[in-house]
């Protein structure tokens, strides 16, 4: 992977530059998608209108995702710090394309707490487990319930069938439920899967969803990017950092993003707030690309998890909704 060069322009200037780049890319995207959308029209004439429109809408959504991959690849080539003032963070508004429209956005999932990091080969990751418990507290969960919830989640993730106490649950507990089910005993695939875990109500999962991810494990690429993390994630990731203090950091970050983790640490409000830098970063690897498209009578949404650990972002998984 080529080294990423630093960019030191202030956020306002960077944001203006991102808007200009985005405008140019949007024009390119629309031109390319318009050509693609009509390219196979002759072949599709024998199809019913609904099927043809659905196929074209899917093609538009895929084009939006490919555009997102290009944006991320260019960003990786030109900068070494990821923040919310860059072109990738600007949403593409609904843009007319022939008989339809396309829109899209990128979300940095490296700015969230990766739930799959809670378990490692030799047992719980105690540092990240404490971060998760602090996050539970920040969304209104009491200490006792947080202990039960974290035990249940650890049991869902680990490979054994021995429940933790208190609050844990393995196959004996899940098999007695209606309907019966089995714990995954492996990594979560989606945040929505949390609703299958003992104690995680749909309401709680909805409260957690903006702050957590379910990314591949085992590499430094799943560290929390302090330049894109919301205040709740910063407060959970750094022991002793209050939510109010984290919000102040967000205001500071909006004026001047963190150049590196040392810069972030230097701006913490108190000397007794010392982050474990092994879980933090100022770069991002995983992004969720969402492409939305309408063509004729059909509408589709495509979600793709992108891994930017190489020069060209690779697709981890994709869903057509």
Protein backbone atom coordinates (compact mmCIF):
# COMPACT_ATOMS: atom_id res chain seq x y z
CA UNK A 1 0.00 0.00 0.00
CA UNK A 2 1.37 3.39 -0.94
CA UNK A 3 2.18 5.81 1.92
CA UNK A 4 -0.46 8.43 2.54
CA UNK A 5 0.71 12.03 2.51
CA UNK A 6 -0.43 14.44 5.23
CA UNK A 7 -2.81 17.30 4.62
CA UNK A 8 -2.59 20.32 6.89
CA UNK A 9 -5.24 22.66 5.47
CA UNK A 10 -7.74 23.91 8.08
CA UNK A 11 -11.12 22.14 8.14
CA UNK A 12 -13.08 24.97 6.47
CA UNK A 13 -10.74 25.03 3.50
CA UNK A 14 -10.67 21.24 3.33
CA UNK A 15 -14.47 21.13 3.41
CA UNK A 16 -14.69 23.61 0.53
CA UNK A 17 -12.19 21.52 -1.38
CA UNK A 18 -14.19 18.39 -0.64
CA UNK A 19 -17.34 20.07 -1.96
CA UNK A 20 -15.60 21.02 -5.22
CA UNK A 21 -14.18 17.52 -5.66
CA UNK A 22 -17.57 16.02 -4.87
CA UNK A 23 -19.28 18.23 -7.45
CA UNK A 24 -16.83 17.12 -10.13
CA UNK A 25 -17.17 13.48 -9.15
CA UNK A 26 -20.95 13.76 -9.15
CA UNK A 27 -20.91 15.08 -12.72
CA UNK A 28 -18.66 12.19 -13.74
CA UNK A 29 -20.86 9.71 -11.90
CA UNK A 30 -24.05 10.96 -13.52
CA UNK A 31 -22.53 10.91 -17.00
CA UNK A 32 -21.21 7.39 -16.56
CA UNK A 33 -24.38 6.03 -15.03
CA UNK A 34 -26.57 7.64 -17.65
CA UNK A 35 -24.60 5.86 -20.36
CA UNK A 36 -24.74 2.57 -18.47
CA UNK A 37 -28.43 2.93 -17.77
CA UNK A 38 -29.37 3.10 -21.45
CA UNK A 39 -26.62 0.82 -22.75
CA UNK A 40 -28.59 -2.40 -22.55
CA UNK A 41 -32.00 -0.93 -23.35
CA UNK A 42 -32.32 -2.83 -26.60
CA UNK A 43 -31.67 -6.16 -24.90
CA UNK A 44 -34.22 -5.39 -22.21
CA UNK A 45 -37.07 -4.37 -24.51
CA UNK A 46 -38.56 -7.85 -24.35
CA UNK A 47 -38.74 -7.68 -20.57
CA UNK A 48 -41.67 -6.31 -18.69
CA UNK A 49 -41.26 -2.71 -17.57
CA UNK A 50 -40.95 -3.56 -13.89
CA UNK A 51 -38.11 -6.02 -14.40
CA UNK A 52 -36.27 -3.64 -16.71
CA UNK A 53 -36.61 -0.76 -14.25
CA UNK A 54 -35.42 -2.97 -11.40
CA UNK A 55 -32.34 -4.03 -13.36
CA UNK A 56 -31.51 -0.43 -14.26
CA UNK A 57 -32.02 0.75 -10.67
CA UNK A 58 -29.63 -1.94 -9.46
CA UNK A 59 -27.08 -0.85 -12.04
CA UNK A 60 -27.35 2.74 -10.85
CA UNK A 61 -26.89 1.69 -7.21
CA UNK A 62 -23.82 -0.37 -8.12
CA UNK A 63 -22.44 2.64 -9.95
CA UNK A 64 -22.87 4.76 -6.83
CA UNK A 65 -20.93 2.18 -4.81
CA UNK A 66 -18.14 2.09 -7.41
CA UNK A 67 -17.99 5.88 -7.23
CA UNK A 68 -17.56 5.58 -3.45
CA UNK A 69 -14.69 3.12 -3.92
CA UNK A 70 -12.98 5.58 -6.24
CA UNK A 71 -13.35 8.39 -3.71
CA UNK A 72 -11.84 6.26 -0.95
CA UNK A 73 -8.97 5.09 -3.14
CA UNK A 74 -8.10 8.67 -4.10
CA UNK A 75 -8.31 9.77 -0.47
CA UNK A 76 -5.93 7.00 0.60
CA UNK A 77 -3.51 8.01 -2.13
CA UNK A 78 -3.37 11.69 -1.16
CA UNK A 79 -3.77 11.91 2.64
CA UNK A 80 -2.68 10.03 5.76
CA UNK A 81 -5.37 11.29 8.17
CA UNK A 82 -9.10 10.59 7.84
CA UNK A 83 -11.61 13.14 9.12
CA UNK A 84 -15.13 14.40 8.43
CA UNK A 85 -13.96 17.35 6.33
CA UNK A 86 -12.90 15.11 3.45
CA UNK A 87 -14.70 14.43 0.19
CA UNK A 88 -15.77 10.91 1.19
CA UNK A 89 -17.81 12.31 4.11
CA UNK A 90 -20.02 14.50 1.89
CA UNK A 91 -23.30 12.86 0.92
CA UNK A 92 -24.31 12.71 -2.74
CA UNK A 93 -27.82 14.22 -2.89
CA UNK A 94 -30.52 12.73 -5.13
CA UNK A 95 -29.18 13.43 -8.62
CA UNK A 96 -31.29 12.98 -11.79
CA UNK A 97 -30.09 10.30 -14.20
CA UNK A 98 -32.17 9.69 -17.31
CA UNK A 99 -35.52 8.34 -16.06
CA UNK A 100 -34.43 8.08 -12.44
CA UNK A 101 -32.10 9.39 -9.78
CA UNK A 102 -29.18 8.19 -7.69
CA UNK A 103 -27.81 9.20 -4.29
CA UNK A 104 -25.35 7.79 -1.82
CA UNK A 105 -23.13 8.23 1.18
CA UNK A 106 -20.17 6.76 3.03
CA UNK A 107 -20.06 6.13 6.76
CA UNK A 108 -16.81 5.52 8.58
CA UNK A 109 -17.33 2.40 10.68
CA UNK A 110 -13.84 2.83 12.13
CA UNK A 111 -15.32 5.62 14.24
CA UNK A 112 -17.32 3.11 16.29
CA UNK A 113 -16.63 0.44 18.89
CA UNK A 114 -16.19 -2.93 17.19
CA UNK A 115 -18.19 -5.46 19.18
CA UNK A 116 -16.27 -8.36 17.67
CA UNK A 117 -13.15 -7.09 19.44
CA UNK A 118 -14.63 -8.05 22.83
CA UNK A 119 -13.37 -11.62 22.47
CA UNK A 120 -9.88 -12.73 21.50
CA UNK A 121 -8.37 -16.18 21.11
CA UNK A 122 -7.50 -16.58 24.79
CA UNK A 123 -10.64 -15.03 26.26
CA UNK A 124 -12.29 -11.63 26.77
CA UNK A 125 -10.47 -8.48 25.66
CA UNK A 126 -10.70 -6.72 29.03
CA UNK A 127 -9.77 -3.28 27.72
CA UNK A 128 -12.42 -3.27 25.00
CA UNK A 129 -14.91 -4.92 27.35
CA UNK A 130 -14.58 -1.95 29.71
CA UNK A 131 -15.10 0.40 26.79
CA UNK A 132 -18.31 -1.41 25.89
CA UNK A 133 -19.57 -1.26 29.47
CA UNK A 134 -18.89 2.49 29.56
CA UNK A 135 -20.88 2.83 26.35
CA UNK A 136 -23.78 0.92 27.90
CA UNK A 137 -23.71 3.38 30.79
CA UNK A 138 -23.76 6.31 28.35
CA UNK A 139 -26.94 5.01 26.69
CA UNK A 140 -28.69 4.68 30.05
CA UNK A 141 -27.89 1.15 31.25
CA UNK A 142 -27.17 0.60 34.95
CA UNK A 143 -24.02 -1.10 36.18
CA UNK A 144 -25.63 -4.43 37.14
CA UNK A 145 -27.49 -4.73 33.85
CA UNK A 146 -24.35 -3.76 31.94
CA UNK A 147 -22.50 -6.67 33.56
CA UNK A 148 -25.26 -9.08 32.56
CA UNK A 149 -25.42 -7.75 29.00
CA UNK A 150 -21.68 -7.92 28.48
CA UNK A 151 -21.63 -11.50 29.82
CA UNK A 152 -24.39 -12.50 27.42
CA UNK A 153 -22.58 -10.89 24.49
CA UNK A 154 -19.28 -12.55 25.40
CA UNK A 155 -21.05 -15.91 25.45
CA UNK A 156 -22.56 -15.20 22.03
CA UNK A 157 -19.12 -14.38 20.61
CA UNK A 158 -16.90 -17.00 22.24
CA UNK A 159 -16.51 -20.53 20.92
CA UNK A 160 -17.35 -22.48 24.07
CA UNK A 161 -20.73 -23.52 25.45
CA UNK A 162 -20.12 -22.60 29.09
CA UNK A 163 -22.29 -19.67 30.26
CA UNK A 164 -20.73 -16.86 32.24
CA UNK A 165 -22.27 -15.77 35.51
CA UNK A 166 -24.10 -13.57 36.08
CA UNK A 167 -26.14 -12.92 32.95
CA UNK A 168 -24.46 -15.24 30.47
CA UNK A 169 -26.30 -17.55 28.10
CA UNK A 170 -25.29 -20.47 25.92
CA UNK A 171 -27.15 -23.17 23.99
CA UNK A 172 -29.05 -24.46 27.04
CA UNK A 173 -30.68 -21.05 27.58
CA UNK A 174 -31.33 -20.24 23.91
CA UNK A 175 -32.71 -23.71 23.24
CA UNK A 176 -35.38 -23.17 25.90
CA UNK A 177 -36.67 -19.96 24.30
CA UNK A 178 -39.62 -19.63 21.94
CA UNK A 179 -38.66 -19.92 19.19
CA UNK A 180 -35.57 -21.89 20.08
CA UNK A 181 -32.26 -20.73 18.66
CA UNK A 182 -28.55 -21.27 19.09
CA UNK A 183 -25.81 -18.79 19.97
CA UNK A 184 -23.50 -17.90 17.10
CA UNK A 185 -20.34 -18.76 19.08
CA UNK A 186 -18.50 -16.54 16.64
CA UNK A 187 -18.30 -12.94 15.40
CA UNK A 188 -21.38 -10.85 14.80
CA UNK A 189 -22.18 -10.21 11.14
CA UNK A 190 -24.50 -7.24 11.66
CA UNK A 191 -25.46 -4.98 14.55
CA UNK A 192 -29.08 -6.07 14.14
CA UNK A 193 -27.99 -9.56 15.22
CA UNK A 194 -27.72 -8.18 18.76
CA UNK A 195 -31.49 -8.56 19.12
CA UNK A 196 -30.90 -12.34 19.22
CA UNK A 197 -28.61 -12.00 22.24
CA UNK A 198 -30.06 -12.41 25.72
CA UNK A 199 -31.13 -9.07 27.22
CA UNK A 200 -30.64 -6.94 24.10
CA UNK A 201 -34.07 -5.48 23.35
CA UNK A 202 -34.80 -3.79 20.01
CA UNK A 203 -34.90 -0.45 21.85
CA UNK A 204 -31.45 -0.98 23.35
CA UNK A 205 -30.01 -2.10 20.02
CA UNK A 206 -31.43 1.04 18.40
CA UNK A 207 -29.71 3.17 21.05
CA UNK A 208 -26.40 1.38 20.54
CA UNK A 209 -26.49 1.23 16.74
CA UNK A 210 -24.92 4.66 15.99
CA UNK A 211 -21.93 3.83 18.19
CA UNK A 212 -21.03 0.19 17.46
CA UNK A 213 -19.90 -1.91 14.51
CA UNK A 214 -19.37 -5.60 13.69
CA UNK A 215 -16.09 -5.56 11.78
CA UNK A 216 -13.54 -8.31 11.14
CA UNK A 217 -11.21 -8.83 14.08
CA UNK A 218 -7.55 -9.38 14.75
CA UNK A 219 -5.88 -6.32 13.23
CA UNK A 220 -5.07 -2.76 14.22
CA UNK A 221 -7.40 -1.63 11.42
CA UNK A 222 -10.38 -1.87 13.78
CA UNK A 223 -9.08 0.81 16.14
CA UNK A 224 -11.42 3.75 16.85
CA UNK A 225 -10.71 6.75 14.63
CA UNK A 226 -10.85 9.73 17.00
CA UNK A 227 -11.41 12.06 14.04
CA UNK A 228 -14.74 10.49 13.10
CA UNK A 229 -16.02 8.99 16.36
CA UNK A 230 -19.07 10.65 17.97
CA UNK A 231 -18.78 12.02 21.50
CA UNK A 232 -20.32 8.89 23.03
CA UNK A 233 -17.67 6.68 21.45
CA UNK A 234 -14.84 8.97 22.57
CA UNK A 235 -16.19 8.95 26.14
CA UNK A 236 -16.45 5.17 26.06
CA UNK A 237 -13.03 4.65 24.49
CA UNK A 238 -11.13 6.86 26.95
CA UNK A 239 -11.41 5.99 30.65
CA UNK A 240 -12.21 9.06 32.74
CA UNK A 241 -13.42 11.18 29.82
CA UNK A 242 -16.91 12.53 30.51
CA UNK A 243 -19.51 12.94 27.79
CA UNK A 244 -19.47 16.73 28.23
CA UNK A 245 -15.69 16.79 27.86
CA UNK A 246 -15.96 14.57 24.78
CA UNK A 247 -18.40 17.04 23.25
CA UNK A 248 -15.91 19.84 23.83
CA UNK A 249 -13.32 17.75 21.99
CA UNK A 250 -15.75 17.40 19.08
CA UNK A 251 -16.06 21.19 18.87
CA UNK A 252 -12.27 21.49 18.87
CA UNK A 253 -12.02 18.76 16.25
CA UNK A 254 -14.41 20.62 13.98
CA UNK A 255 -12.00 23.56 14.01
CA UNK A 256 -8.83 21.48 13.64
CA UNK A 257 -8.86 17.71 13.31
CA UNK A 258 -6.44 15.53 15.24
CA UNK A 259 -3.18 15.06 13.33
CA UNK A 260 -2.38 11.85 15.21
CA UNK A 261 -3.23 10.07 18.45
CA UNK A 262 -0.58 12.09 20.30
CA UNK A 263 -2.36 15.28 19.23
CA UNK A 264 -5.64 13.85 20.50
CA UNK A 265 -4.07 12.90 23.83
CA UNK A 266 -2.58 16.37 24.21
CA UNK A 267 -6.02 17.96 23.90
CA UNK A 268 -7.65 15.84 26.60
CA UNK A 269 -9.07 18.01 29.39
CA UNK A 270 -7.27 16.59 32.44
CA UNK A 271 -3.93 15.01 33.21
CA UNK A 272 -5.64 12.03 34.86
CA UNK A 273 -7.41 11.14 31.60
CA UNK A 274 -4.89 8.90 29.87
CA UNK A 275 -6.11 6.89 26.87
CA UNK A 276 -4.77 3.50 25.94
CA UNK A 277 -3.50 4.42 22.50
CA UNK A 278 -3.51 0.81 21.30
CA UNK A 279 -7.25 1.12 20.64
CA UNK A 280 -7.16 4.54 18.92
CA UNK A 281 -6.17 5.86 15.50
CA UNK A 282 -6.60 8.82 13.14
CA UNK A 283 -7.03 6.70 10.03
CA UNK A 284 -9.88 4.49 8.89
CA UNK A 285 -10.07 1.16 7.13
CA UNK A 286 -13.73 0.11 7.08
CA UNK A 287 -16.53 2.12 5.47
CA UNK A 288 -20.19 1.43 4.82
CA UNK A 289 -21.17 2.57 1.32
CA UNK A 290 -24.87 3.08 0.66
CA UNK A 291 -26.17 3.61 -2.86
CA UNK A 292 -29.82 4.48 -3.49
CA UNK A 293 -31.36 4.49 -6.93
CA UNK A 294 -34.72 4.98 -8.59
CA UNK A 295 -35.40 4.12 -12.20
CA UNK A 296 -38.90 4.24 -13.61
CA UNK A 297 -41.14 2.45 -11.13
CA UNK A 298 -38.36 0.69 -9.19
CA UNK A 299 -36.31 1.77 -6.18
CA UNK A 300 -33.35 -0.09 -4.66
CA UNK A 301 -30.82 0.44 -1.90
CA UNK A 302 -27.44 -1.26 -1.83
CA UNK A 303 -25.22 -1.45 1.25
CA UNK A 304 -21.60 -2.55 0.93
CA UNK A 305 -18.92 -2.93 3.60
CA UNK A 306 -15.62 -1.77 2.13
CA UNK A 307 -12.15 -2.68 3.40
CA UNK A 308 -9.58 -0.05 2.44
CA UNK A 309 -6.50 -1.82 3.78
CA UNK A 310 -5.22 -2.05 0.19
CA UNK A 311 -4.99 0.62 -2.51
CA UNK A 312 -8.37 -0.33 -4.00
CA UNK A 313 -11.19 -0.88 -1.46
CA UNK A 314 -12.41 -4.46 -1.47
CA UNK A 315 -15.96 -5.63 -0.77
CA UNK A 316 -16.37 -7.56 2.49
CA UNK A 317 -20.10 -8.08 2.02
CA UNK A 318 -22.98 -6.46 0.17
CA UNK A 319 -26.74 -6.35 0.59
CA UNK A 320 -29.40 -5.34 -1.91
CA UNK A 321 -32.45 -3.98 -0.13
